[in-house]
Amino acid sequence: MDELGEKISELEAIYNRRKGQKEQLENSLNRNIERLNDVVKKRELYENVRKLLEMAAEYARDQAKGDMEYMVTQALQYVFENDLEFKIELEDNASGPQAEFYVESRYGGEQLVKTRPQDARGGGVVDVISLALRIAMMQGRGVLILDEPAKQVSEEFAPNVANFLRYLTNQGDFQVVMVSHNQHLAQAAGKSYIVSIKDGISRVSEVSSS
């Protein structure tokens, strides 16, 4: 009986020890399950946030694309007085979004012609597109510094570039500071200065004000 009592006591001790281990494992399992549930919830939240950011980025990209197409198209039609339209085509690839620029026009006919800017009507189109894109990115605020803008625009259309710049500065909250040899651009400025060099010394003098 004494030996049986000792065995029972040993078994009870083993049972209690194992019971305590089981409770510890169950508690640990419950904590891990709670952590896993938290991770799943956070992952779902992050995934939803990622999708929302992607949608916002796509909307902002499309909005910016539309604004730039509109601004550049207005500039082309203002300067060249025809049906030129500016188009941006976006494509996603492994290295990120890529943009291609095109100019579309019917040139007085029915067939729509789509070309790259440099092939549309020479360098003048490229100059006007570059100028309009810079203005569009300013969003109507700040100071735009230009060095020989519309340098390759023919003399026939140079006055239109000057009038276009003056119109935009009157409409927006920004200022244009430019260096140019073009008389039409100089005359369109609110203030115009000429820089001359005499005896190796640069001299600046105001030549017109309007």
C-alpha atoms as a PDB file:
ATOM      1  CA  MET A   1       0.000   0.000   0.000  1.00  0.00           C
ATOM      2  CA  ASP A   2       2.840   2.343   0.813  1.00  0.00           C
ATOM      3  CA  GLU A   3       4.457   1.692  -2.571  1.00  0.00           C
ATOM      4  CA  LEU A   4       1.108   2.213  -4.322  1.00  0.00           C
ATOM      5  CA  GLY A   5       0.629   5.497  -2.475  1.00  0.00           C
ATOM      6  CA  GLU A   6       4.084   6.658  -3.546  1.00  0.00           C
ATOM      7  CA  LYS A   7       3.364   5.723  -7.174  1.00  0.00           C
ATOM      8  CA  ILE A   8       0.066   7.604  -7.053  1.00  0.00           C
ATOM      9  CA  SER A   9       1.830  10.664  -5.619  1.00  0.00           C
ATOM     10  CA  GLU A  10       4.472  10.498  -8.366  1.00  0.00           C
ATOM     11  CA  LEU A  11       1.799  10.186 -11.019  1.00  0.00           C
ATOM     12  CA  GLU A  12      -0.134  13.108  -9.527  1.00  0.00           C
ATOM     13  CA  ALA A  13       3.041  15.213  -9.584  1.00  0.00           C
ATOM     14  CA  ILE A  14       3.673  14.255 -13.217  1.00  0.00           C
ATOM     15  CA  TYR A  15       0.034  14.993 -14.075  1.00  0.00           C
ATOM     16  CA  ASN A  16       0.135  18.409 -12.405  1.00  0.00           C
ATOM     17  CA  ARG A  17       3.417  19.237 -14.118  1.00  0.00           C
ATOM     18  CA  ARG A  18       2.095  18.172 -17.480  1.00  0.00           C
ATOM     19  CA  LYS A  19      -1.146  20.026 -16.805  1.00  0.00           C
ATOM     20  CA  GLY A  20       0.819  23.213 -16.089  1.00  0.00           C
ATOM     21  CA  GLN A  21       2.848  22.745 -19.275  1.00  0.00           C
ATOM     22  CA  LYS A  22      -0.361  22.205 -21.238  1.00  0.00           C
ATOM     23  CA  GLU A  23      -1.847  25.414 -19.827  1.00  0.00           C
ATOM     24  CA  GLN A  24       1.309  27.327 -20.718  1.00  0.00           C
ATOM     25  CA  LEU A  25       1.219  25.959 -24.259  1.00  0.00           C
ATOM     26  CA  GLU A  26      -2.470  26.817 -24.588  1.00  0.00           C
ATOM     27  CA  ASN A  27      -1.834  30.346 -23.336  1.00  0.00           C
ATOM     28  CA  SER A  28       1.080  30.715 -25.753  1.00  0.00           C
ATOM     29  CA  LEU A  29      -1.059  29.343 -28.581  1.00  0.00           C
ATOM     30  CA  ASN A  30      -3.865  31.796 -27.784  1.00  0.00           C
ATOM     31  CA  ARG A  31      -1.413  34.709 -27.732  1.00  0.00           C
ATOM     32  CA  ASN A  32       0.045  33.641 -31.081  1.00  0.00           C
ATOM     33  CA  ILE A  33      -3.444  33.317 -32.543  1.00  0.00           C
ATOM     34  CA  GLU A  34      -4.253  36.846 -31.363  1.00  0.00           C
ATOM     35  CA  ARG A  35      -1.010  38.128 -32.876  1.00  0.00           C
ATOM     36  CA  LEU A  36      -1.755  36.327 -36.115  1.00  0.00           C
ATOM     37  CA  ASN A  37      -5.234  37.860 -36.231  1.00  0.00           C
ATOM     38  CA  ASP A  38      -3.712  41.298 -35.654  1.00  0.00           C
ATOM     39  CA  VAL A  39      -1.200  40.691 -38.449  1.00  0.00           C
ATOM     40  CA  VAL A  40      -3.988  39.577 -40.798  1.00  0.00           C
ATOM     41  CA  LYS A  41      -6.057  42.654 -39.943  1.00  0.00           C
ATOM     42  CA  LYS A  42      -3.064  44.957 -40.449  1.00  0.00           C
ATOM     43  CA  ARG A  43      -2.217  43.234 -43.706  1.00  0.00           C
ATOM     44  CA  GLU A  44      -5.782  43.744 -44.929  1.00  0.00           C
ATOM     45  CA  LEU A  45      -5.593  47.390 -43.847  1.00  0.00           C
ATOM     46  CA  TYR A  46      -2.246  47.920 -45.590  1.00  0.00           C
ATOM     47  CA  GLU A  47      -3.546  46.210 -48.718  1.00  0.00           C
ATOM     48  CA  ASN A  48      -6.592  48.485 -48.757  1.00  0.00           C
ATOM     49  CA  VAL A  49      -4.382  51.524 -48.203  1.00  0.00           C
ATOM     50  CA  ARG A  50      -2.072  50.389 -51.025  1.00  0.00           C
ATOM     51  CA  LYS A  51      -5.026  50.016 -53.387  1.00  0.00           C
ATOM     52  CA  LEU A  52      -6.339  53.428 -52.343  1.00  0.00           C
ATOM     53  CA  LEU A  53      -2.939  55.038 -52.944  1.00  0.00           C
ATOM     54  CA  GLU A  54      -2.682  53.351 -56.344  1.00  0.00           C
ATOM     55  CA  MET A  55      -6.132  54.644 -57.265  1.00  0.00           C
ATOM     56  CA  ALA A  56      -5.233  58.142 -56.041  1.00  0.00           C
ATOM     57  CA  ALA A  57      -1.934  58.049 -57.946  1.00  0.00           C
ATOM     58  CA  GLU A  58      -3.664  56.849 -61.112  1.00  0.00           C
ATOM     59  CA  TYR A  59      -6.307  59.573 -60.784  1.00  0.00           C
ATOM     60  CA  ALA A  60      -3.655  62.235 -60.159  1.00  0.00           C
ATOM     61  CA  ARG A  61      -1.648  60.964 -63.126  1.00  0.00           C
ATOM     62  CA  ASP A  62      -4.670  61.026 -65.411  1.00  0.00           C
ATOM     63  CA  GLN A  63      -5.609  64.479 -64.135  1.00  0.00           C
ATOM     64  CA  ALA A  64      -2.085  65.802 -64.733  1.00  0.00           C
ATOM     65  CA  LYS A  65      -2.043  64.165 -68.175  1.00  0.00           C
ATOM     66  CA  GLY A  66      -5.329  65.851 -69.099  1.00  0.00           C
ATOM     67  CA  ASP A  67      -4.185  69.236 -67.809  1.00  0.00           C
ATOM     68  CA  MET A  68      -0.926  69.052 -69.753  1.00  0.00           C
ATOM     69  CA  GLU A  69      -2.631  67.908 -72.947  1.00  0.00           C
ATOM     70  CA  TYR A  70      -5.090  70.780 -72.666  1.00  0.00           C
ATOM     71  CA  MET A  71      -2.441  73.421 -71.922  1.00  0.00           C
ATOM     72  CA  VAL A  72      -0.091  72.343 -74.716  1.00  0.00           C
ATOM     73  CA  THR A  73      -2.943  71.969 -77.219  1.00  0.00           C
ATOM     74  CA  GLN A  74      -4.100  75.502 -76.402  1.00  0.00           C
ATOM     75  CA  ALA A  75      -0.568  76.792 -76.907  1.00  0.00           C
ATOM     76  CA  LEU A  76      -0.120  75.010 -80.247  1.00  0.00           C
ATOM     77  CA  GLN A  77      -3.448  76.222 -81.580  1.00  0.00           C
ATOM     78  CA  TYR A  78      -2.837  79.766 -80.311  1.00  0.00           C
ATOM     79  CA  VAL A  79       0.599  79.998 -81.905  1.00  0.00           C
ATOM     80  CA  PHE A  80       0.113  78.090 -85.149  1.00  0.00           C
ATOM     81  CA  GLU A  81      -3.582  78.881 -85.661  1.00  0.00           C
ATOM     82  CA  ASN A  82      -4.620  75.402 -86.785  1.00  0.00           C
ATOM     83  CA  ASP A  83      -6.046  72.154 -85.416  1.00  0.00           C
ATOM     84  CA  LEU A  84      -2.879  70.768 -83.830  1.00  0.00           C
ATOM     85  CA  GLU A  85      -3.558  68.667 -80.728  1.00  0.00           C
ATOM     86  CA  PHE A  86      -1.052  67.420 -78.168  1.00  0.00           C
ATOM     87  CA  LYS A  87      -1.384  63.858 -76.878  1.00  0.00           C
ATOM     88  CA  ILE A  88       0.429  61.957 -74.128  1.00  0.00           C
ATOM     89  CA  GLU A  89       0.463  58.169 -74.181  1.00  0.00           C
ATOM     90  CA  LEU A  90       1.393  56.472 -70.897  1.00  0.00           C
ATOM     91  CA  GLU A  91       2.689  52.919 -70.676  1.00  0.00           C
ATOM     92  CA  ASP A  92       3.728  50.944 -67.585  1.00  0.00           C
ATOM     93  CA  ASN A  93       6.720  48.645 -67.858  1.00  0.00           C
ATOM     94  CA  ALA A  94       9.319  47.071 -65.596  1.00  0.00           C
ATOM     95  CA  SER A  95      11.248  50.326 -65.156  1.00  0.00           C
ATOM     96  CA  GLY A  96       8.108  52.355 -64.340  1.00  0.00           C
ATOM     97  CA  PRO A  97       5.649  54.549 -66.246  1.00  0.00           C
ATOM     98  CA  GLN A  98       6.874  55.825 -69.625  1.00  0.00           C
ATOM     99  CA  ALA A  99       5.389  58.766 -71.522  1.00  0.00           C
ATOM    100  CA  GLU A 100       5.415  59.336 -75.262  1.00  0.00           C
ATOM    101  CA  PHE A 101       4.439  62.697 -76.781  1.00  0.00           C
ATOM    102  CA  TYR A 102       2.566  63.066 -80.056  1.00  0.00           C
ATOM    103  CA  VAL A 103       1.017  65.805 -82.161  1.00  0.00           C
ATOM    104  CA  GLU A 104      -2.205  65.104 -84.057  1.00  0.00           C
ATOM    105  CA  SER A 105      -3.699  67.172 -86.875  1.00  0.00           C
ATOM    106  CA  ARG A 106      -5.785  66.810 -90.019  1.00  0.00           C
ATOM    107  CA  TYR A 107      -3.853  69.636 -91.708  1.00  0.00           C
ATOM    108  CA  GLY A 108      -7.018  70.821 -93.420  1.00  0.00           C
ATOM    109  CA  GLY A 109      -7.999  67.370 -94.669  1.00  0.00           C
ATOM    110  CA  GLU A 110      -9.970  64.443 -93.298  1.00  0.00           C
ATOM    111  CA  GLN A 111      -7.089  62.063 -92.583  1.00  0.00           C
ATOM    112  CA  LEU A 112      -5.789  62.321 -89.006  1.00  0.00           C
ATOM    113  CA  VAL A 113      -1.994  62.495 -88.957  1.00  0.00           C
ATOM    114  CA  LYS A 114      -0.155  61.490 -85.785  1.00  0.00           C
ATOM    115  CA  THR A 115       3.522  62.364 -85.513  1.00  0.00           C
ATOM    116  CA  ARG A 116       6.178  62.969 -82.918  1.00  0.00           C
ATOM    117  CA  PRO A 117       6.657  66.681 -82.074  1.00  0.00           C
ATOM    118  CA  GLN A 118      10.009  66.942 -83.851  1.00  0.00           C
ATOM    119  CA  ASP A 119       8.421  65.618 -87.038  1.00  0.00           C
ATOM    120  CA  ALA A 120       5.250  67.735 -86.909  1.00  0.00           C
ATOM    121  CA  ARG A 121       6.392  71.109 -88.199  1.00  0.00           C
ATOM    122  CA  GLY A 122      10.035  71.348 -87.316  1.00  0.00           C
ATOM    123  CA  GLY A 123      11.696  72.739 -84.235  1.00  0.00           C
ATOM    124  CA  GLY A 124       9.114  75.449 -83.674  1.00  0.00           C
ATOM    125  CA  VAL A 125       6.519  72.913 -82.511  1.00  0.00           C
ATOM    126  CA  VAL A 126       9.033  71.400 -80.094  1.00  0.00           C
ATOM    127  CA  ASP A 127       9.808  74.851 -78.675  1.00  0.00           C
ATOM    128  CA  VAL A 128       6.139  75.664 -78.081  1.00  0.00           C
ATOM    129  CA  ILE A 129       5.465  72.245 -76.509  1.00  0.00           C
ATOM    130  CA  SER A 130       8.456  72.617 -74.204  1.00  0.00           C
ATOM    131  CA  LEU A 131       7.335  76.108 -73.188  1.00  0.00           C
ATOM    132  CA  ALA A 132       3.726  75.039 -72.556  1.00  0.00           C
ATOM    133  CA  LEU A 133       4.784  71.984 -70.517  1.00  0.00           C
ATOM    134  CA  ARG A 134       6.917  74.156 -68.247  1.00  0.00           C
ATOM    135  CA  ILE A 135       4.012  76.551 -67.731  1.00  0.00           C
ATOM    136  CA  ALA A 136       1.632  73.655 -67.031  1.00  0.00           C
ATOM    137  CA  MET A 137       3.961  72.220 -64.379  1.00  0.00           C
ATOM    138  CA  MET A 138       4.105  75.617 -62.656  1.00  0.00           C
ATOM    139  CA  GLN A 139       0.317  75.460 -62.125  1.00  0.00           C
ATOM    140  CA  GLY A 140       0.046  79.199 -62.650  1.00  0.00           C
ATOM    141  CA  ARG A 141       2.380  80.243 -59.817  1.00  0.00           C
ATOM    142  CA  GLY A 142       6.008  81.232 -59.426  1.00  0.00           C
ATOM    143  CA  VAL A 143       8.723  82.628 -61.674  1.00  0.00           C
ATOM    144  CA  LEU A 144       9.456  81.113 -65.084  1.00  0.00           C
ATOM    145  CA  ILE A 145      12.982  81.791 -66.363  1.00  0.00           C
ATOM    146  CA  LEU A 146      13.435  81.321 -70.103  1.00  0.00           C
ATOM    147  CA  ASP A 147      16.509  81.434 -72.318  1.00  0.00           C
ATOM    148  CA  GLU A 148      15.611  82.106 -75.934  1.00  0.00           C
ATOM    149  CA  PRO A 149      12.081  80.670 -75.800  1.00  0.00           C
ATOM    150  CA  ALA A 150      10.611  79.693 -79.170  1.00  0.00           C
ATOM    151  CA  LYS A 151      14.031  80.096 -80.736  1.00  0.00           C
ATOM    152  CA  GLN A 152      13.077  77.922 -83.709  1.00  0.00           C
ATOM    153  CA  VAL A 153       9.581  79.368 -84.207  1.00  0.00           C
ATOM    154  CA  SER A 154       9.435  81.144 -87.561  1.00  0.00           C
ATOM    155  CA  GLU A 155       9.098  84.902 -87.765  1.00  0.00           C
ATOM    156  CA  GLU A 156       5.526  84.462 -88.947  1.00  0.00           C
ATOM    157  CA  PHE A 157       4.413  82.914 -85.659  1.00  0.00           C
ATOM    158  CA  ALA A 158       6.783  84.646 -83.216  1.00  0.00           C
ATOM    159  CA  PRO A 159       4.224  87.409 -82.401  1.00  0.00           C
ATOM    160  CA  ASN A 160       1.740  84.710 -81.399  1.00  0.00           C
ATOM    161  CA  VAL A 161       4.240  83.282 -78.912  1.00  0.00           C
ATOM    162  CA  ALA A 162       4.709  86.728 -77.428  1.00  0.00           C
ATOM    163  CA  ASN A 163       0.960  87.298 -77.139  1.00  0.00           C
ATOM    164  CA  PHE A 164       0.481  83.841 -75.648  1.00  0.00           C
ATOM    165  CA  LEU A 165       3.033  84.531 -72.902  1.00  0.00           C
ATOM    166  CA  ARG A 166       1.508  87.893 -72.134  1.00  0.00           C
ATOM    167  CA  TYR A 167      -1.982  86.376 -71.966  1.00  0.00           C
ATOM    168  CA  LEU A 168      -0.858  83.647 -69.548  1.00  0.00           C
ATOM    169  CA  THR A 169       0.956  86.023 -67.223  1.00  0.00           C
ATOM    170  CA  ASN A 170      -2.152  88.213 -67.090  1.00  0.00           C
ATOM    171  CA  GLN A 171      -4.292  85.178 -66.226  1.00  0.00           C
ATOM    172  CA  GLY A 172      -1.988  83.431 -63.725  1.00  0.00           C
ATOM    173  CA  ASP A 173      -0.033  84.403 -60.651  1.00  0.00           C
ATOM    174  CA  PHE A 174       3.430  84.034 -62.130  1.00  0.00           C
ATOM    175  CA  GLN A 175       6.128  86.088 -63.776  1.00  0.00           C
ATOM    176  CA  VAL A 176       8.245  85.396 -66.848  1.00  0.00           C
ATOM    177  CA  VAL A 177      11.894  86.435 -66.948  1.00  0.00           C
ATOM    178  CA  MET A 178      13.495  85.717 -70.299  1.00  0.00           C
ATOM    179  CA  VAL A 179      16.570  86.357 -72.391  1.00  0.00           C
ATOM    180  CA  SER A 180      15.826  86.746 -76.085  1.00  0.00           C
ATOM    181  CA  HIS A 181      17.016  88.310 -79.308  1.00  0.00           C
ATOM    182  CA  ASN A 182      13.471  88.195 -80.679  1.00  0.00           C
ATOM    183  CA  GLN A 183      11.993  91.664 -81.030  1.00  0.00           C
ATOM    184  CA  HIS A 184       8.395  90.431 -80.716  1.00  0.00           C
ATOM    185  CA  LEU A 185       9.099  88.791 -77.347  1.00  0.00           C
ATOM    186  CA  ALA A 186      10.936  91.876 -76.143  1.00  0.00           C
ATOM    187  CA  GLN A 187       8.038  94.136 -77.059  1.00  0.00           C
ATOM    188  CA  ALA A 188       5.543  91.884 -75.276  1.00  0.00           C
ATOM    189  CA  ALA A 189       7.375  92.224 -71.968  1.00  0.00           C
ATOM    190  CA  GLY A 190       6.184  94.516 -69.224  1.00  0.00           C
ATOM    191  CA  LYS A 191       9.778  95.686 -68.858  1.00  0.00           C
ATOM    192  CA  SER A 192      12.514  95.181 -71.412  1.00  0.00           C
ATOM    193  CA  TYR A 193      16.253  95.733 -71.037  1.00  0.00           C
ATOM    194  CA  ILE A 194      19.123  95.583 -73.468  1.00  0.00           C
ATOM    195  CA  VAL A 195      22.542  94.298 -72.433  1.00  0.00           C
ATOM    196  CA  SER A 196      25.506  95.685 -74.357  1.00  0.00           C
ATOM    197  CA  ILE A 197      29.239  95.347 -73.918  1.00  0.00           C
ATOM    198  CA  LYS A 198      31.564  98.305 -74.330  1.00  0.00           C
ATOM    199  CA  ASP A 199      35.257  98.223 -73.525  1.00  0.00           C
ATOM    200  CA  GLY A 200      34.739  94.806 -71.915  1.00  0.00           C
ATOM    201  CA  ILE A 201      32.082  96.142 -69.540  1.00  0.00           C
ATOM    202  CA  SER A 202      28.470  94.936 -69.639  1.00  0.00           C
ATOM    203  CA  ARG A 203      25.903  97.710 -69.560  1.00  0.00           C
ATOM    204  CA  VAL A 204      22.181  97.252 -68.900  1.00  0.00           C
ATOM    205  CA  SER A 205      19.645  99.837 -69.920  1.00  0.00           C
ATOM    206  CA  GLU A 206      15.854  99.829 -70.028  1.00  0.00           C
ATOM    207  CA  VAL A 207      14.615 100.205 -73.578  1.00  0.00           C
ATOM    208  CA  SER A 208      10.880  99.905 -73.224  1.00  0.00           C
ATOM    209  CA  SER A 209       8.195  99.788 -70.600  1.00  0.00           C
ATOM    210  CA  SER A 210       4.513  98.980 -70.937  1.00  0.00           C
END
